[in-house]
PDB file of N, CA and C in Angstrom:
ATOM      1  N   MET A   1     102.933  21.018 218.257  1.00  0.00           N
ATOM      2  CA  MET A   1     102.558  19.877 219.065  1.00  0.00           C
ATOM      3  C   MET A   1     101.231  20.189 219.753  1.00  0.00           C
ATOM      4  N   ARG A   2     100.367  19.179 219.834  1.00  0.00           N
ATOM      5  CA  ARG A   2      99.091  19.283 220.538  1.00  0.00           C
ATOM      6  C   ARG A   2      98.903  18.038 221.397  1.00  0.00           C
ATOM      7  N   ALA A   3      98.110  18.180 222.471  1.00  0.00           N
ATOM      8  CA  ALA A   3      97.832  17.045 223.348  1.00  0.00           C
ATOM      9  C   ALA A   3      96.448  17.207 223.964  1.00  0.00           C
ATOM     10  N   VAL A   4      95.854  16.083 224.301  1.00  0.00           N
ATOM     11  CA  VAL A   4      94.554  16.045 224.973  1.00  0.00           C
ATOM     12  C   VAL A   4      94.657  15.053 226.117  1.00  0.00           C
ATOM     13  N   ALA A   5      94.058  15.390 227.242  1.00  0.00           N
ATOM     14  CA  ALA A   5      93.992  14.477 228.382  1.00  0.00           C
ATOM     15  C   ALA A   5      92.528  14.145 228.642  1.00  0.00           C
ATOM     16  N   LEU A   6      92.275  12.857 228.888  1.00  0.00           N
ATOM     17  CA  LEU A   6      90.926  12.388 229.181  1.00  0.00           C
ATOM     18  C   LEU A   6      90.857  11.881 230.614  1.00  0.00           C
ATOM     19  N   ARG A   7      89.650  11.937 231.164  1.00  0.00           N
ATOM     20  CA  ARG A   7      89.390  11.321 232.465  1.00  0.00           C
ATOM     21  C   ARG A   7      88.155  10.447 232.301  1.00  0.00           C
ATOM     22  N   TYR A   8      88.222   9.262 232.869  1.00  0.00           N
ATOM     23  CA  TYR A   8      87.046   8.400 232.864  1.00  0.00           C
ATOM     24  C   TYR A   8      87.052   7.538 234.102  1.00  0.00           C
ATOM     25  N   GLU A   9      86.058   7.724 234.940  1.00  0.00           N
ATOM     26  CA  GLU A   9      85.858   6.892 236.118  1.00  0.00           C
ATOM     27  C   GLU A   9      84.503   6.225 235.938  1.00  0.00           C
ATOM     28  N   ARG A  10      84.533   4.931 235.699  1.00  0.00           N
ATOM     29  CA  ARG A  10      83.322   4.199 235.335  1.00  0.00           C
ATOM     30  C   ARG A  10      82.185   4.411 236.331  1.00  0.00           C
ATOM     31  N   GLN A  11      82.477   4.465 237.633  1.00  0.00           N
ATOM     32  CA  GLN A  11      81.425   4.633 238.638  1.00  0.00           C
ATOM     33  C   GLN A  11      80.900   6.069 238.686  1.00  0.00           C
ATOM     34  N   ARG A  12      81.672   6.998 238.196  1.00  0.00           N
ATOM     35  CA  ARG A  12      81.335   8.421 238.347  1.00  0.00           C
ATOM     36  C   ARG A  12      80.874   9.080 237.051  1.00  0.00           C
ATOM     37  N   ASP A  13      81.504   8.723 235.936  1.00  0.00           N
ATOM     38  CA  ASP A  13      81.266   9.420 234.671  1.00  0.00           C
ATOM     39  C   ASP A  13      80.447   8.564 233.711  1.00  0.00           C
ATOM     40  N   PRO A  14      79.407   9.137 233.104  1.00  0.00           N
ATOM     41  CA  PRO A  14      78.666   8.389 232.088  1.00  0.00           C
ATOM     42  C   PRO A  14      79.496   8.165 230.820  1.00  0.00           C
ATOM     43  N   ALA A  15      80.465   9.021 230.592  1.00  0.00           N
ATOM     44  CA  ALA A  15      81.345   8.916 229.422  1.00  0.00           C
ATOM     45  C   ALA A  15      82.656   9.612 229.756  1.00  0.00           C
ATOM     46  N   PRO A  16      83.743   9.268 229.041  1.00  0.00           N
ATOM     47  CA  PRO A  16      85.006   9.977 229.260  1.00  0.00           C
ATOM     48  C   PRO A  16      84.853  11.478 229.006  1.00  0.00           C
ATOM     49  N   ARG A  17      85.655  12.248 229.688  1.00  0.00           N
ATOM     50  CA  ARG A  17      85.632  13.711 229.539  1.00  0.00           C
ATOM     51  C   ARG A  17      87.027  14.208 229.163  1.00  0.00           C
ATOM     52  N   VAL A  18      87.044  15.266 228.381  1.00  0.00           N
ATOM     53  CA  VAL A  18      88.294  15.962 228.072  1.00  0.00           C
ATOM     54  C   VAL A  18      88.591  16.869 229.259  1.00  0.00           C
ATOM     55  N   VAL A  19      89.731  16.661 229.904  1.00  0.00           N
ATOM     56  CA  VAL A  19      90.064  17.488 231.064  1.00  0.00           C
ATOM     57  C   VAL A  19      91.165  18.498 230.769  1.00  0.00           C
ATOM     58  N   ALA A  20      91.849  18.324 229.660  1.00  0.00           N
ATOM     59  CA  ALA A  20      92.867  19.300 229.244  1.00  0.00           C
ATOM     60  C   ALA A  20      93.134  19.109 227.759  1.00  0.00           C
ATOM     61  N   ALA A  21      93.337  20.218 227.080  1.00  0.00           N
ATOM     62  CA  ALA A  21      93.659  20.166 225.650  1.00  0.00           C
ATOM     63  C   ALA A  21      94.370  21.449 225.270  1.00  0.00           C
ATOM     64  N   GLY A  22      95.356  21.326 224.408  1.00  0.00           N
ATOM     65  CA  GLY A  22      96.032  22.525 223.961  1.00  0.00           C
ATOM     66  C   GLY A  22      97.287  22.209 223.176  1.00  0.00           C
ATOM     67  N   GLY A  23      97.926  23.256 222.749  1.00  0.00           N
ATOM     68  CA  GLY A  23      99.132  23.127 221.962  1.00  0.00           C
ATOM     69  C   GLY A  23     100.306  23.815 222.635  1.00  0.00           C
ATOM     70  N   GLY A  24     101.472  23.665 222.035  1.00  0.00           N
ATOM     71  CA  GLY A  24     102.669  24.341 222.518  1.00  0.00           C
ATOM     72  C   GLY A  24     103.032  23.972 223.942  1.00  0.00           C
ATOM     73  N   ALA A  25     103.207  24.996 224.774  1.00  0.00           N
ATOM     74  CA  ALA A  25     103.627  24.791 226.157  1.00  0.00           C
ATOM     75  C   ALA A  25     102.592  23.994 226.948  1.00  0.00           C
ATOM     76  N   LEU A  26     101.304  24.212 226.659  1.00  0.00           N
ATOM     77  CA  LEU A  26     100.266  23.460 227.365  1.00  0.00           C
ATOM     78  C   LEU A  26     100.341  21.984 227.007  1.00  0.00           C
ATOM     79  N   ALA A  27     100.570  21.671 225.745  1.00  0.00           N
ATOM     80  CA  ALA A  27     100.714  20.276 225.324  1.00  0.00           C
ATOM     81  C   ALA A  27     101.913  19.635 226.021  1.00  0.00           C
ATOM     82  N   GLU A  28     103.013  20.368 226.094  1.00  0.00           N
ATOM     83  CA  GLU A  28     104.194  19.846 226.781  1.00  0.00           C
ATOM     84  C   GLU A  28     103.897  19.570 228.250  1.00  0.00           C
ATOM     85  N   CYS A  29     103.121  20.447 228.871  1.00  0.00           N
ATOM     86  CA  CYS A  29     102.749  20.272 230.276  1.00  0.00           C
ATOM     87  C   CYS A  29     101.862  19.038 230.440  1.00  0.00           C
ATOM     88  N   ILE A  30     100.883  18.860 229.556  1.00  0.00           N
ATOM     89  CA  ILE A  30     100.009  17.691 229.606  1.00  0.00           C
ATOM     90  C   ILE A  30     100.841  16.415 229.513  1.00  0.00           C
ATOM     91  N   LEU A  31     101.776  16.381 228.573  1.00  0.00           N
ATOM     92  CA  LEU A  31     102.618  15.193 228.391  1.00  0.00           C
ATOM     93  C   LEU A  31     103.548  14.969 229.575  1.00  0.00           C
ATOM     94  N   GLU A  32     104.060  16.037 230.145  1.00  0.00           N
ATOM     95  CA  GLU A  32     104.944  15.919 231.313  1.00  0.00           C
ATOM     96  C   GLU A  32     104.184  15.370 232.519  1.00  0.00           C
ATOM     97  N   VAL A  33     102.965  15.843 232.736  1.00  0.00           N
ATOM     98  CA  VAL A  33     102.156  15.336 233.847  1.00  0.00           C
ATOM     99  C   VAL A  33     101.853  13.855 233.639  1.00  0.00           C
ATOM    100  N   ALA A  34     101.519  13.471 232.416  1.00  0.00           N
ATOM    101  CA  ALA A  34     101.261  12.063 232.113  1.00  0.00           C
ATOM    102  C   ALA A  34     102.500  11.221 232.419  1.00  0.00           C
ATOM    103  N   LYS A  35     103.647  11.695 231.964  1.00  0.00           N
ATOM    104  CA  LYS A  35     104.898  10.962 232.182  1.00  0.00           C
ATOM    105  C   LYS A  35     105.196  10.832 233.670  1.00  0.00           C
ATOM    106  N   ARG A  36     105.031  11.930 234.394  1.00  0.00           N
ATOM    107  CA  ARG A  36     105.321  11.942 235.830  1.00  0.00           C
ATOM    108  C   ARG A  36     104.449  10.943 236.595  1.00  0.00           C
ATOM    109  N   HIS A  37     103.230  10.739 236.105  1.00  0.00           N
ATOM    110  CA  HIS A  37     102.299   9.838 236.784  1.00  0.00           C
ATOM    111  C   HIS A  37     102.238   8.449 236.153  1.00  0.00           C
ATOM    112  N   GLY A  38     103.144   8.188 235.223  1.00  0.00           N
ATOM    113  CA  GLY A  38     103.208   6.868 234.613  1.00  0.00           C
ATOM    114  C   GLY A  38     102.043   6.545 233.703  1.00  0.00           C
ATOM    115  N   VAL A  39     101.413   7.558 233.149  1.00  0.00           N
ATOM    116  CA  VAL A  39     100.287   7.348 232.239  1.00  0.00           C
ATOM    117  C   VAL A  39     100.835   7.148 230.828  1.00  0.00           C
ATOM    118  N   PRO A  40     100.528   6.011 230.221  1.00  0.00           N
ATOM    119  CA  PRO A  40     100.994   5.789 228.845  1.00  0.00           C
ATOM    120  C   PRO A  40     100.385   6.832 227.900  1.00  0.00           C
ATOM    121  N   VAL A  41     101.146   7.210 226.897  1.00  0.00           N
ATOM    122  CA  VAL A  41     100.707   8.206 225.915  1.00  0.00           C
ATOM    123  C   VAL A  41     100.601   7.523 224.560  1.00  0.00           C
ATOM    124  N   ARG A  42      99.538   7.820 223.863  1.00  0.00           N
ATOM    125  CA  ARG A  42      99.343   7.242 222.532  1.00  0.00           C
ATOM    126  C   ARG A  42      99.101   8.362 221.543  1.00  0.00           C
ATOM    127  N   GLU A  43      99.757   8.268 220.401  1.00  0.00           N
ATOM    128  CA  GLU A  43      99.578   9.266 219.344  1.00  0.00           C
ATOM    129  C   GLU A  43      98.507   8.804 218.367  1.00  0.00           C
ATOM    130  N   ASP A  44      97.524   9.671 218.129  1.00  0.00           N
ATOM    131  CA  ASP A  44      96.458   9.412 217.167  1.00  0.00           C
ATOM    132  C   ASP A  44      95.985  10.768 216.655  1.00  0.00           C
ATOM    133  N   PRO A  45      96.589  11.261 215.569  1.00  0.00           N
ATOM    134  CA  PRO A  45      96.282  12.605 215.082  1.00  0.00           C
ATOM    135  C   PRO A  45      94.807  12.844 214.772  1.00  0.00           C
ATOM    136  N   ASP A  46      94.107  11.848 214.224  1.00  0.00           N
ATOM    137  CA  ASP A  46      92.695  12.039 213.899  1.00  0.00           C
ATOM    138  C   ASP A  46      91.855  12.188 215.163  1.00  0.00           C
ATOM    139  N   LEU A  47      92.099  11.332 216.140  1.00  0.00           N
ATOM    140  CA  LEU A  47      91.364  11.416 217.394  1.00  0.00           C
ATOM    141  C   LEU A  47      91.722  12.702 218.133  1.00  0.00           C
ATOM    142  N   LEU A  48      92.972  13.085 218.085  1.00  0.00           N
ATOM    143  CA  LEU A  48      93.412  14.333 218.704  1.00  0.00           C
ATOM    144  C   LEU A  48      92.637  15.520 218.148  1.00  0.00           C
ATOM    145  N   GLN A  49      92.447  15.549 216.855  1.00  0.00           N
ATOM    146  CA  GLN A  49      91.714  16.655 216.230  1.00  0.00           C
ATOM    147  C   GLN A  49      90.267  16.706 216.730  1.00  0.00           C
ATOM    148  N   LEU A  50      89.614  15.554 216.805  1.00  0.00           N
ATOM    149  CA  LEU A  50      88.222  15.512 217.261  1.00  0.00           C
ATOM    150  C   LEU A  50      88.098  15.879 218.740  1.00  0.00           C
ATOM    151  N   LEU A  51      88.972  15.323 219.567  1.00  0.00           N
ATOM    152  CA  LEU A  51      88.896  15.606 220.998  1.00  0.00           C
ATOM    153  C   LEU A  51      89.366  17.010 221.337  1.00  0.00           C
ATOM    154  N   GLY A  52      90.297  17.527 220.550  1.00  0.00           N
ATOM    155  CA  GLY A  52      90.796  18.879 220.778  1.00  0.00           C
ATOM    156  C   GLY A  52      89.747  19.948 220.563  1.00  0.00           C
ATOM    157  N   ALA A  53      88.681  19.614 219.856  1.00  0.00           N
ATOM    158  CA  ALA A  53      87.589  20.565 219.622  1.00  0.00           C
ATOM    159  C   ALA A  53      86.601  20.610 220.785  1.00  0.00           C
ATOM    160  N   CYS A  54      86.736  19.697 221.746  1.00  0.00           N
ATOM    161  CA  CYS A  54      85.831  19.657 222.897  1.00  0.00           C
ATOM    162  C   CYS A  54      86.193  20.753 223.895  1.00  0.00           C
ATOM    163  N   GLU A  55      85.187  21.223 224.590  1.00  0.00           N
ATOM    164  CA  GLU A  55      85.417  22.179 225.670  1.00  0.00           C
ATOM    165  C   GLU A  55      85.931  21.425 226.898  1.00  0.00           C
ATOM    166  N   PRO A  56      86.698  22.093 227.759  1.00  0.00           N
ATOM    167  CA  PRO A  56      87.186  21.426 228.967  1.00  0.00           C
ATOM    168  C   PRO A  56      86.039  20.860 229.806  1.00  0.00           C
ATOM    169  N   PHE A  57      86.218  19.651 230.285  1.00  0.00           N
ATOM    170  CA  PHE A  57      85.292  18.898 231.124  1.00  0.00           C
ATOM    171  C   PHE A  57      84.010  18.493 230.403  1.00  0.00           C
ATOM    172  N   GLU A  58      84.013  18.635 229.090  1.00  0.00           N
ATOM    173  CA  GLU A  58      82.885  18.186 228.280  1.00  0.00           C
ATOM    174  C   GLU A  58      83.036  16.692 228.003  1.00  0.00           C
ATOM    175  N   GLU A  59      81.907  15.971 228.022  1.00  0.00           N
ATOM    176  CA  GLU A  59      81.960  14.563 227.650  1.00  0.00           C
ATOM    177  C   GLU A  59      82.366  14.453 226.186  1.00  0.00           C
ATOM    178  N   ILE A  60      83.053  13.369 225.874  1.00  0.00           N
ATOM    179  CA  ILE A  60      83.471  13.176 224.486  1.00  0.00           C
ATOM    180  C   ILE A  60      82.242  13.007 223.595  1.00  0.00           C
ATOM    181  N   PRO A  61      82.328  13.397 222.335  1.00  0.00           N
ATOM    182  CA  PRO A  61      81.198  13.232 221.423  1.00  0.00           C
ATOM    183  C   PRO A  61      80.913  11.750 221.152  1.00  0.00           C
ATOM    184  N   VAL A  62      79.653  11.431 220.979  1.00  0.00           N
ATOM    185  CA  VAL A  62      79.236  10.055 220.706  1.00  0.00           C
ATOM    186  C   VAL A  62      79.988   9.495 219.502  1.00  0.00           C
ATOM    187  N   GLU A  63      80.300  10.326 218.536  1.00  0.00           N
ATOM    188  CA  GLU A  63      80.967   9.884 217.311  1.00  0.00           C
ATOM    189  C   GLU A  63      82.344   9.282 217.563  1.00  0.00           C
ATOM    190  N   VAL A  64      82.958   9.583 218.697  1.00  0.00           N
ATOM    191  CA  VAL A  64      84.299   9.049 218.967  1.00  0.00           C
ATOM    192  C   VAL A  64      84.299   7.972 220.052  1.00  0.00           C
ATOM    193  N   TYR A  65      83.123   7.526 220.497  1.00  0.00           N
ATOM    194  CA  TYR A  65      83.055   6.488 221.528  1.00  0.00           C
ATOM    195  C   TYR A  65      83.876   5.266 221.137  1.00  0.00           C
ATOM    196  N   SER A  66      83.719   4.794 219.924  1.00  0.00           N
ATOM    197  CA  SER A  66      84.412   3.584 219.486  1.00  0.00           C
ATOM    198  C   SER A  66      85.925   3.769 219.542  1.00  0.00           C
ATOM    199  N   ALA A  67      86.414   4.891 219.024  1.00  0.00           N
ATOM    200  CA  ALA A  67      87.858   5.147 219.019  1.00  0.00           C
ATOM    201  C   ALA A  67      88.389   5.289 220.447  1.00  0.00           C
ATOM    202  N   VAL A  68      87.634   5.949 221.311  1.00  0.00           N
ATOM    203  CA  VAL A  68      88.078   6.126 222.694  1.00  0.00           C
ATOM    204  C   VAL A  68      88.007   4.793 223.440  1.00  0.00           C
ATOM    205  N   ALA A  69      87.014   3.962 223.125  1.00  0.00           N
ATOM    206  CA  ALA A  69      86.946   2.626 223.734  1.00  0.00           C
ATOM    207  C   ALA A  69      88.196   1.823 223.375  1.00  0.00           C
ATOM    208  N   GLU A  70      88.635   1.915 222.121  1.00  0.00           N
ATOM    209  CA  GLU A  70      89.873   1.240 221.716  1.00  0.00           C
ATOM    210  C   GLU A  70      91.064   1.793 222.484  1.00  0.00           C
ATOM    211  N   LEU A  71      91.095   3.103 222.665  1.00  0.00           N
ATOM    212  CA  LEU A  71      92.172   3.744 223.416  1.00  0.00           C
ATOM    213  C   LEU A  71      92.169   3.262 224.867  1.00  0.00           C
ATOM    214  N   LEU A  72      90.986   3.197 225.486  1.00  0.00           N
ATOM    215  CA  LEU A  72      90.905   2.738 226.870  1.00  0.00           C
ATOM    216  C   LEU A  72      91.323   1.271 226.998  1.00  0.00           C
ATOM    217  N   ALA A  73      90.967   0.452 226.017  1.00  0.00           N
ATOM    218  CA  ALA A  73      91.390  -0.955 226.027  1.00  0.00           C
ATOM    219  C   ALA A  73      92.911  -1.044 225.908  1.00  0.00           C
ATOM    220  N   TRP A  74      93.492  -0.231 225.030  1.00  0.00           N
ATOM    221  CA  TRP A  74      94.948  -0.191 224.876  1.00  0.00           C
ATOM    222  C   TRP A  74      95.599   0.231 226.191  1.00  0.00           C
ATOM    223  N   LEU A  75      95.034   1.244 226.843  1.00  0.00           N
ATOM    224  CA  LEU A  75      95.577   1.746 228.101  1.00  0.00           C
ATOM    225  C   LEU A  75      95.483   0.680 229.194  1.00  0.00           C
ATOM    226  N   TRP A  76      94.350   0.002 229.264  1.00  0.00           N
ATOM    227  CA  TRP A  76      94.171  -1.069 230.236  1.00  0.00           C
ATOM    228  C   TRP A  76      95.239  -2.152 230.025  1.00  0.00           C
ATOM    229  N   HIS A  77      95.443  -2.534 228.779  1.00  0.00           N
ATOM    230  CA  HIS A  77      96.445  -3.554 228.453  1.00  0.00           C
ATOM    231  C   HIS A  77      97.854  -3.062 228.811  1.00  0.00           C
ATOM    232  N   ALA A  78      98.159  -1.817 228.479  1.00  0.00           N
ATOM    233  CA  ALA A  78      99.480  -1.259 228.801  1.00  0.00           C
ATOM    234  C   ALA A  78      99.698  -1.235 230.309  1.00  0.00           C
ATOM    235  N   ASN A  79      98.657  -0.908 231.067  1.00  0.00           N
ATOM    236  CA  ASN A  79      98.776  -0.896 232.532  1.00  0.00           C
ATOM    237  C   ASN A  79      98.997  -2.304 233.073  1.00  0.00           C
ATOM    238  N   GLU A  80      98.327  -3.278 232.504  1.00  0.00           N
ATOM    239  CA  GLU A  80      98.528  -4.663 232.935  1.00  0.00           C
ATOM    240  C   GLU A  80      99.960  -5.123 232.661  1.00  0.00           C
ATOM    241  N   LEU A  81     100.481  -4.769 231.495  1.00  0.00           N
ATOM    242  CA  LEU A  81     101.847  -5.164 231.137  1.00  0.00           C
ATOM    243  C   LEU A  81     102.863  -4.532 232.080  1.00  0.00           C
ATOM    244  N   SER A  82     102.625  -3.266 232.437  1.00  0.00           N
ATOM    245  CA  SER A  82     103.585  -2.598 233.321  1.00  0.00           C
ATOM    246  C   SER A  82     103.491  -3.142 234.740  1.00  0.00           C
ATOM    247  N   ALA A  83     102.324  -3.661 235.127  1.00  0.00           N
ATOM    248  CA  ALA A  83     102.162  -4.230 236.465  1.00  0.00           C
ATOM    249  C   ALA A  83     102.816  -5.601 236.570  1.00  0.00           C
ATOM    250  N   ASP A  84     102.874  -6.333 235.443  1.00  0.00           N
ATOM    251  CA  ASP A  84     103.460  -7.661 235.432  1.00  0.00           C
ATOM    252  C   ASP A  84     104.417  -7.760 234.236  1.00  0.00           C
ATOM    253  N   PRO A  85     105.678  -7.389 234.423  1.00  0.00           N
ATOM    254  CA  PRO A  85     106.633  -7.360 233.298  1.00  0.00           C
ATOM    255  C   PRO A  85     106.919  -8.712 232.665  1.00  0.00           C
ATOM    256  N   ARG A  86     106.477  -9.807 233.294  1.00  0.00           N
ATOM    257  CA  ARG A  86     106.696 -11.143 232.701  1.00  0.00           C
ATOM    258  C   ARG A  86     105.795 -11.391 231.507  1.00  0.00           C
ATOM    259  N   ARG A  87     104.812 -10.550 231.276  1.00  0.00           N
ATOM    260  CA  ARG A  87     103.880 -10.750 230.149  1.00  0.00           C
ATOM    261  C   ARG A  87     104.494 -10.319 228.867  1.00  0.00           C
TER     262      ARG A  87
END
């Protein structure tokens, strides 16, 4: 098992950054922290491979901007749905 965590604050960051990445126990910890904080998790093995090669706190590579933009849109939508369950 592998996992990657991203951080993106539009006012602060020019691009999303990888803040944690790893396998095994570290991946389990990343997923547990996400779950504890209500962060939706999405599986994408190809994107995981590309982001997993980034150094910690490094901005994501330009080549994955489009895929990460789709991920952020999905996350935004998931957050909206959880805020208003009538949707």
